[in-house]
Amino acid sequence: MKILASLFTTVIALAVIVLIFEYTGFYAQSFKVFFILPAGAGFAGAFCASGYYFVATKMKKEPSRPMLICSMIGLLGFVLLYVSMYSTSYVDSDNKVNHMFRGEHISNFTYEDSNEPVNFKSYMISDINSREMSLFVGAGKKSTRVAMPVGSIEINSTLNIILFVVEGLGFIIGGWVVGSNVISFFEAKRKKQEEQAEQEEQALNISG
């Protein structure tokens, strides 16, 4: 049941990320704080594993290895995200890529410098190598502060690969945090039960 719930929340998380990219062109999972902290990926990984948390905390018995399991759920979400991005990549009549199943699937096309169909491997290589880093700056009044884009910079392939790996780690860390929260929940529950037992014992001693 916990795994099924996690799969459900993973599907929701991936659908939201794909839709955000479709309508804004922004990789929500690639959002980073201070250019390196994978905030977007961490949130996405936590969302993927949230189904596990909701079911686990309703159970009487504490599940085993929740941090490991939730970390693996986060990693699975990371892998499935890019499988989903590739699977939903279609090319319309204007030769524009979309993720709404309009036109033909991207695997029916080739890159300009190759006669090979666009498979998952070549899609990922192109995706990683063609990324840019967008820069934002805070603007506005203190009560209505917003982040305004100020431009973007191209980054070399090595740095792109590093940032992609960091993104994957963000998914794993997000899941790990959810797993640690499961442990914290049951620790607090045990502490509360122990306190209640002590209070009941003290009440019995007083009445006796």
C-alpha atoms as a PDB file:
ATOM      1  CA  MET A   1       0.000   0.000   0.000  1.00  0.00           C
ATOM      2  CA  LYS A   2       2.825   2.405   0.848  1.00  0.00           C
ATOM      3  CA  ILE A   3       4.531   1.731  -2.484  1.00  0.00           C
ATOM      4  CA  LEU A   4       1.278   2.152  -4.421  1.00  0.00           C
ATOM      5  CA  ALA A   5       0.685   5.478  -2.690  1.00  0.00           C
ATOM      6  CA  SER A   6       4.238   6.536  -3.565  1.00  0.00           C
ATOM      7  CA  LEU A   7       3.716   5.612  -7.206  1.00  0.00           C
ATOM      8  CA  PHE A   8       0.545   7.699  -7.211  1.00  0.00           C
ATOM      9  CA  THR A   9       2.269  10.789  -5.793  1.00  0.00           C
ATOM     10  CA  THR A  10       5.226  10.204  -8.132  1.00  0.00           C
ATOM     11  CA  VAL A  11       2.919  10.256 -11.159  1.00  0.00           C
ATOM     12  CA  ILE A  12       1.358  13.499  -9.921  1.00  0.00           C
ATOM     13  CA  ALA A  13       4.776  15.093  -9.332  1.00  0.00           C
ATOM     14  CA  LEU A  14       6.051  14.122 -12.777  1.00  0.00           C
ATOM     15  CA  ALA A  15       2.866  15.304 -14.491  1.00  0.00           C
ATOM     16  CA  VAL A  16       3.160  18.703 -12.801  1.00  0.00           C
ATOM     17  CA  ILE A  17       6.828  19.060 -13.798  1.00  0.00           C
ATOM     18  CA  VAL A  18       6.133  18.094 -17.420  1.00  0.00           C
ATOM     19  CA  LEU A  19       3.199  20.531 -17.623  1.00  0.00           C
ATOM     20  CA  ILE A  20       5.277  23.360 -16.138  1.00  0.00           C
ATOM     21  CA  PHE A  21       7.946  22.716 -18.760  1.00  0.00           C
ATOM     22  CA  GLU A  22       5.355  22.494 -21.542  1.00  0.00           C
ATOM     23  CA  TYR A  23       3.823  25.876 -20.757  1.00  0.00           C
ATOM     24  CA  THR A  24       6.847  27.807 -19.474  1.00  0.00           C
ATOM     25  CA  GLY A  25       9.927  26.051 -20.867  1.00  0.00           C
ATOM     26  CA  PHE A  26      11.302  25.920 -17.314  1.00  0.00           C
ATOM     27  CA  TYR A  27      12.695  22.757 -15.727  1.00  0.00           C
ATOM     28  CA  ALA A  28      11.179  23.077 -12.242  1.00  0.00           C
ATOM     29  CA  GLN A  29      13.333  20.222 -10.946  1.00  0.00           C
ATOM     30  CA  SER A  30      16.508  22.016 -12.039  1.00  0.00           C
ATOM     31  CA  PHE A  31      15.878  25.092  -9.865  1.00  0.00           C
ATOM     32  CA  LYS A  32      18.874  25.604  -7.589  1.00  0.00           C
ATOM     33  CA  VAL A  33      19.642  27.958  -4.727  1.00  0.00           C
ATOM     34  CA  PHE A  34      23.073  29.611  -4.891  1.00  0.00           C
ATOM     35  CA  PHE A  35      23.613  27.810  -8.247  1.00  0.00           C
ATOM     36  CA  ILE A  36      24.273  24.428  -6.589  1.00  0.00           C
ATOM     37  CA  LEU A  37      21.669  23.532  -3.919  1.00  0.00           C
ATOM     38  CA  PRO A  38      19.023  21.417  -5.733  1.00  0.00           C
ATOM     39  CA  ALA A  39      15.912  22.942  -4.174  1.00  0.00           C
ATOM     40  CA  GLY A  40      13.594  22.070  -7.065  1.00  0.00           C
ATOM     41  CA  ALA A  41      14.807  18.482  -7.268  1.00  0.00           C
ATOM     42  CA  GLY A  42      14.623  18.088  -3.489  1.00  0.00           C
ATOM     43  CA  PHE A  43      11.031  19.259  -3.418  1.00  0.00           C
ATOM     44  CA  ALA A  44      10.165  16.971  -6.341  1.00  0.00           C
ATOM     45  CA  GLY A  45      11.787  13.958  -4.654  1.00  0.00           C
ATOM     46  CA  ALA A  46       9.931  14.710  -1.424  1.00  0.00           C
ATOM     47  CA  PHE A  47       6.650  14.966  -3.315  1.00  0.00           C
ATOM     48  CA  CYS A  48       7.310  11.614  -4.967  1.00  0.00           C
ATOM     49  CA  ALA A  49       7.830   9.954  -1.573  1.00  0.00           C
ATOM     50  CA  SER A  50       5.010  11.807   0.193  1.00  0.00           C
ATOM     51  CA  GLY A  51       2.557   8.994  -0.543  1.00  0.00           C
ATOM     52  CA  TYR A  52       4.753   6.652   1.483  1.00  0.00           C
ATOM     53  CA  TYR A  53       4.685   9.076   4.420  1.00  0.00           C
ATOM     54  CA  PHE A  54       0.909   9.518   4.416  1.00  0.00           C
ATOM     55  CA  VAL A  55       0.275   5.761   4.449  1.00  0.00           C
ATOM     56  CA  ALA A  56       3.120   4.841   6.821  1.00  0.00           C
ATOM     57  CA  THR A  57       2.020   7.313   9.483  1.00  0.00           C
ATOM     58  CA  LYS A  58      -1.465   5.788   9.483  1.00  0.00           C
ATOM     59  CA  MET A  59      -0.060   2.371  10.376  1.00  0.00           C
ATOM     60  CA  LYS A  60       0.328   1.083  13.926  1.00  0.00           C
ATOM     61  CA  LYS A  61       3.722  -0.509  13.287  1.00  0.00           C
ATOM     62  CA  GLU A  62       6.773   1.490  12.233  1.00  0.00           C
ATOM     63  CA  PRO A  63       7.978   0.432   8.759  1.00  0.00           C
ATOM     64  CA  SER A  64      11.532  -0.829   8.342  1.00  0.00           C
ATOM     65  CA  ARG A  65      14.193   1.244   6.568  1.00  0.00           C
ATOM     66  CA  PRO A  66      11.928   4.149   5.573  1.00  0.00           C
ATOM     67  CA  MET A  67      14.860   6.446   4.710  1.00  0.00           C
ATOM     68  CA  LEU A  68      16.349   3.901   2.300  1.00  0.00           C
ATOM     69  CA  ILE A  69      12.992   3.147   0.700  1.00  0.00           C
ATOM     70  CA  CYS A  70      12.030   6.810   0.334  1.00  0.00           C
ATOM     71  CA  SER A  71      15.479   7.626  -1.093  1.00  0.00           C
ATOM     72  CA  MET A  72      14.967   4.908  -3.700  1.00  0.00           C
ATOM     73  CA  ILE A  73      11.521   6.326  -4.469  1.00  0.00           C
ATOM     74  CA  GLY A  74      13.152   9.716  -5.045  1.00  0.00           C
ATOM     75  CA  LEU A  75      15.720   8.137  -7.372  1.00  0.00           C
ATOM     76  CA  LEU A  76      12.953   6.290  -9.214  1.00  0.00           C
ATOM     77  CA  GLY A  77      11.096   9.574  -9.637  1.00  0.00           C
ATOM     78  CA  PHE A  78      14.226  11.164 -11.137  1.00  0.00           C
ATOM     79  CA  VAL A  79      14.640   8.351 -13.683  1.00  0.00           C
ATOM     80  CA  LEU A  80      10.940   8.199 -14.552  1.00  0.00           C
ATOM     81  CA  LEU A  81      10.833  11.966 -15.045  1.00  0.00           C
ATOM     82  CA  TYR A  82      13.208  11.856 -17.991  1.00  0.00           C
ATOM     83  CA  VAL A  83      11.634   8.696 -19.354  1.00  0.00           C
ATOM     84  CA  SER A  84       8.348  10.622 -19.244  1.00  0.00           C
ATOM     85  CA  MET A  85       9.885  13.681 -20.887  1.00  0.00           C
ATOM     86  CA  TYR A  86      11.186  11.546 -23.736  1.00  0.00           C
ATOM     87  CA  SER A  87       8.007   9.469 -24.044  1.00  0.00           C
ATOM     88  CA  THR A  88       5.821  12.576 -24.285  1.00  0.00           C
ATOM     89  CA  SER A  89       8.084  14.481 -26.715  1.00  0.00           C
ATOM     90  CA  TYR A  90       6.230  15.006 -29.970  1.00  0.00           C
ATOM     91  CA  VAL A  91       6.973  17.204 -32.979  1.00  0.00           C
ATOM     92  CA  ASP A  92       4.052  19.138 -34.465  1.00  0.00           C
ATOM     93  CA  SER A  93       3.533  20.415 -38.006  1.00  0.00           C
ATOM     94  CA  ASP A  94       5.561  23.553 -37.188  1.00  0.00           C
ATOM     95  CA  ASN A  95       8.552  21.393 -36.160  1.00  0.00           C
ATOM     96  CA  LYS A  96       8.115  22.425 -32.537  1.00  0.00           C
ATOM     97  CA  VAL A  97       8.528  19.921 -29.732  1.00  0.00           C
ATOM     98  CA  ASN A  98       5.570  19.581 -27.382  1.00  0.00           C
ATOM     99  CA  HIS A  99       4.522  17.249 -24.579  1.00  0.00           C
ATOM    100  CA  MET A 100       0.807  17.190 -25.381  1.00  0.00           C
ATOM    101  CA  PHE A 101       0.986  14.322 -27.917  1.00  0.00           C
ATOM    102  CA  ARG A 102       0.511  16.615 -30.920  1.00  0.00           C
ATOM    103  CA  GLY A 103       2.173  15.411 -34.120  1.00  0.00           C
ATOM    104  CA  GLU A 104       4.669  12.549 -34.360  1.00  0.00           C
ATOM    105  CA  HIS A 105       6.850  11.123 -31.631  1.00  0.00           C
ATOM    106  CA  ILE A 106      10.397  12.466 -31.563  1.00  0.00           C
ATOM    107  CA  SER A 107      11.807   8.977 -32.205  1.00  0.00           C
ATOM    108  CA  ASN A 108      10.562   9.316 -35.790  1.00  0.00           C
ATOM    109  CA  PHE A 109      13.028  12.158 -36.357  1.00  0.00           C
ATOM    110  CA  THR A 110      16.814  12.520 -36.477  1.00  0.00           C
ATOM    111  CA  TYR A 111      19.224  15.234 -35.378  1.00  0.00           C
ATOM    112  CA  GLU A 112      20.748  17.339 -38.162  1.00  0.00           C
ATOM    113  CA  ASP A 113      24.231  15.865 -37.751  1.00  0.00           C
ATOM    114  CA  SER A 114      23.057  12.248 -37.582  1.00  0.00           C
ATOM    115  CA  ASN A 115      20.932   9.777 -39.509  1.00  0.00           C
ATOM    116  CA  GLU A 116      20.092   7.837 -36.363  1.00  0.00           C
ATOM    117  CA  PRO A 117      16.582   8.168 -34.890  1.00  0.00           C
ATOM    118  CA  VAL A 118      16.297  10.180 -31.689  1.00  0.00           C
ATOM    119  CA  ASN A 119      16.422   7.440 -29.063  1.00  0.00           C
ATOM    120  CA  PHE A 120      16.379   7.938 -25.294  1.00  0.00           C
ATOM    121  CA  LYS A 121      20.182   8.025 -25.023  1.00  0.00           C
ATOM    122  CA  SER A 122      20.691  10.664 -27.715  1.00  0.00           C
ATOM    123  CA  TYR A 123      17.735  12.636 -26.350  1.00  0.00           C
ATOM    124  CA  MET A 124      19.300  12.771 -22.883  1.00  0.00           C
ATOM    125  CA  ILE A 125      22.753  13.711 -24.213  1.00  0.00           C
ATOM    126  CA  SER A 126      21.261  16.558 -26.235  1.00  0.00           C
ATOM    127  CA  ASP A 127      19.059  17.673 -23.355  1.00  0.00           C
ATOM    128  CA  ILE A 128      21.899  17.803 -20.828  1.00  0.00           C
ATOM    129  CA  ASN A 129      24.404  19.481 -23.162  1.00  0.00           C
ATOM    130  CA  SER A 130      21.990  22.184 -24.352  1.00  0.00           C
ATOM    131  CA  ARG A 131      20.969  23.517 -20.945  1.00  0.00           C
ATOM    132  CA  GLU A 132      21.486  27.093 -19.809  1.00  0.00           C
ATOM    133  CA  MET A 133      21.622  28.554 -16.313  1.00  0.00           C
ATOM    134  CA  SER A 134      19.027  31.269 -15.707  1.00  0.00           C
ATOM    135  CA  LEU A 135      19.864  34.061 -13.279  1.00  0.00           C
ATOM    136  CA  PHE A 136      17.289  35.654 -10.980  1.00  0.00           C
ATOM    137  CA  VAL A 137      17.404  38.629  -8.641  1.00  0.00           C
ATOM    138  CA  GLY A 138      14.976  39.662  -5.904  1.00  0.00           C
ATOM    139  CA  ALA A 139      12.897  42.732  -6.646  1.00  0.00           C
ATOM    140  CA  GLY A 140       9.895  44.588  -5.252  1.00  0.00           C
ATOM    141  CA  LYS A 141       8.717  45.716  -1.858  1.00  0.00           C
ATOM    142  CA  LYS A 142       9.509  43.727   1.248  1.00  0.00           C
ATOM    143  CA  SER A 143       5.931  42.449   1.499  1.00  0.00           C
ATOM    144  CA  THR A 144       5.696  41.571  -2.204  1.00  0.00           C
ATOM    145  CA  ARG A 145       9.224  40.480  -3.069  1.00  0.00           C
ATOM    146  CA  VAL A 146       9.517  38.467  -6.289  1.00  0.00           C
ATOM    147  CA  ALA A 147      12.322  36.877  -8.294  1.00  0.00           C
ATOM    148  CA  MET A 148      12.946  38.586 -11.615  1.00  0.00           C
ATOM    149  CA  PRO A 149      14.942  36.937 -14.425  1.00  0.00           C
ATOM    150  CA  VAL A 150      17.990  38.956 -15.419  1.00  0.00           C
ATOM    151  CA  GLY A 151      19.384  36.686 -18.117  1.00  0.00           C
ATOM    152  CA  SER A 152      20.992  33.326 -18.708  1.00  0.00           C
ATOM    153  CA  ILE A 153      24.463  31.950 -19.351  1.00  0.00           C
ATOM    154  CA  GLU A 154      25.608  28.986 -21.385  1.00  0.00           C
ATOM    155  CA  ILE A 155      27.585  26.383 -19.463  1.00  0.00           C
ATOM    156  CA  ASN A 156      29.963  23.723 -20.741  1.00  0.00           C
ATOM    157  CA  SER A 157      29.032  20.064 -21.014  1.00  0.00           C
ATOM    158  CA  THR A 158      31.129  18.969 -18.009  1.00  0.00           C
ATOM    159  CA  LEU A 159      29.381  21.408 -15.690  1.00  0.00           C
ATOM    160  CA  ASN A 160      26.036  20.425 -17.175  1.00  0.00           C
ATOM    161  CA  ILE A 161      26.725  16.784 -16.318  1.00  0.00           C
ATOM    162  CA  ILE A 162      27.729  17.737 -12.767  1.00  0.00           C
ATOM    163  CA  LEU A 163      24.551  19.776 -12.315  1.00  0.00           C
ATOM    164  CA  PHE A 164      22.499  16.898 -13.720  1.00  0.00           C
ATOM    165  CA  VAL A 165      24.036  14.534 -11.155  1.00  0.00           C
ATOM    166  CA  VAL A 166      23.347  17.101  -8.417  1.00  0.00           C
ATOM    167  CA  GLU A 167      19.755  17.172  -9.613  1.00  0.00           C
ATOM    168  CA  GLY A 168      19.531  13.411  -9.191  1.00  0.00           C
ATOM    169  CA  LEU A 169      21.019  13.707  -5.707  1.00  0.00           C
ATOM    170  CA  GLY A 170      18.367  16.312  -4.947  1.00  0.00           C
ATOM    171  CA  PHE A 171      15.618  13.804  -5.719  1.00  0.00           C
ATOM    172  CA  ILE A 172      17.306  11.246  -3.467  1.00  0.00           C
ATOM    173  CA  ILE A 173      17.781  13.750  -0.634  1.00  0.00           C
ATOM    174  CA  GLY A 174      14.150  14.844  -0.917  1.00  0.00           C
ATOM    175  CA  GLY A 175      13.042  11.235  -0.505  1.00  0.00           C
ATOM    176  CA  TRP A 176      15.511  10.730   2.354  1.00  0.00           C
ATOM    177  CA  VAL A 177      14.038  13.695   4.230  1.00  0.00           C
ATOM    178  CA  VAL A 178      10.556  12.194   3.922  1.00  0.00           C
ATOM    179  CA  GLY A 179      11.876   8.888   5.268  1.00  0.00           C
ATOM    180  CA  SER A 180      13.518  10.647   8.218  1.00  0.00           C
ATOM    181  CA  ASN A 181      10.201  12.354   8.943  1.00  0.00           C
ATOM    182  CA  VAL A 182       8.546   8.927   9.122  1.00  0.00           C
ATOM    183  CA  ILE A 183      11.084   7.891  11.766  1.00  0.00           C
ATOM    184  CA  SER A 184      10.563  11.156  13.665  1.00  0.00           C
ATOM    185  CA  PHE A 185       6.801  10.594  13.610  1.00  0.00           C
ATOM    186  CA  PHE A 186       7.052   7.169  15.232  1.00  0.00           C
ATOM    187  CA  GLU A 187       9.663   8.359  17.741  1.00  0.00           C
ATOM    188  CA  ALA A 188       7.305  11.131  18.836  1.00  0.00           C
ATOM    189  CA  LYS A 189       4.450   8.628  18.950  1.00  0.00           C
ATOM    190  CA  ARG A 190       6.448   6.253  21.173  1.00  0.00           C
ATOM    191  CA  LYS A 191       7.456   9.096  23.473  1.00  0.00           C
ATOM    192  CA  LYS A 192       3.835  10.168  23.831  1.00  0.00           C
ATOM    193  CA  GLN A 193       2.763   6.597  24.606  1.00  0.00           C
ATOM    194  CA  GLU A 194       5.508   6.266  27.228  1.00  0.00           C
ATOM    195  CA  GLU A 195       4.452   9.531  28.856  1.00  0.00           C
ATOM    196  CA  GLN A 196       0.829   8.393  28.915  1.00  0.00           C
ATOM    197  CA  ALA A 197       1.866   5.054  30.445  1.00  0.00           C
ATOM    198  CA  GLU A 198       3.862   6.862  33.147  1.00  0.00           C
ATOM    199  CA  GLN A 199       0.930   9.142  33.921  1.00  0.00           C
ATOM    200  CA  GLU A 200      -1.424   6.162  34.189  1.00  0.00           C
ATOM    201  CA  GLU A 201       1.040   4.351  36.460  1.00  0.00           C
ATOM    202  CA  GLN A 202       1.376   7.416  38.682  1.00  0.00           C
ATOM    203  CA  ALA A 203      -2.410   7.720  38.855  1.00  0.00           C
ATOM    204  CA  LEU A 204      -2.710   4.075  39.912  1.00  0.00           C
ATOM    205  CA  ASN A 205      -0.036   4.534  42.598  1.00  0.00           C
ATOM    206  CA  ILE A 206      -1.826   7.574  43.995  1.00  0.00           C
ATOM    207  CA  SER A 207      -5.204   5.819  44.049  1.00  0.00           C
ATOM    208  CA  GLY A 208      -3.613   2.743  45.633  1.00  0.00           C
END
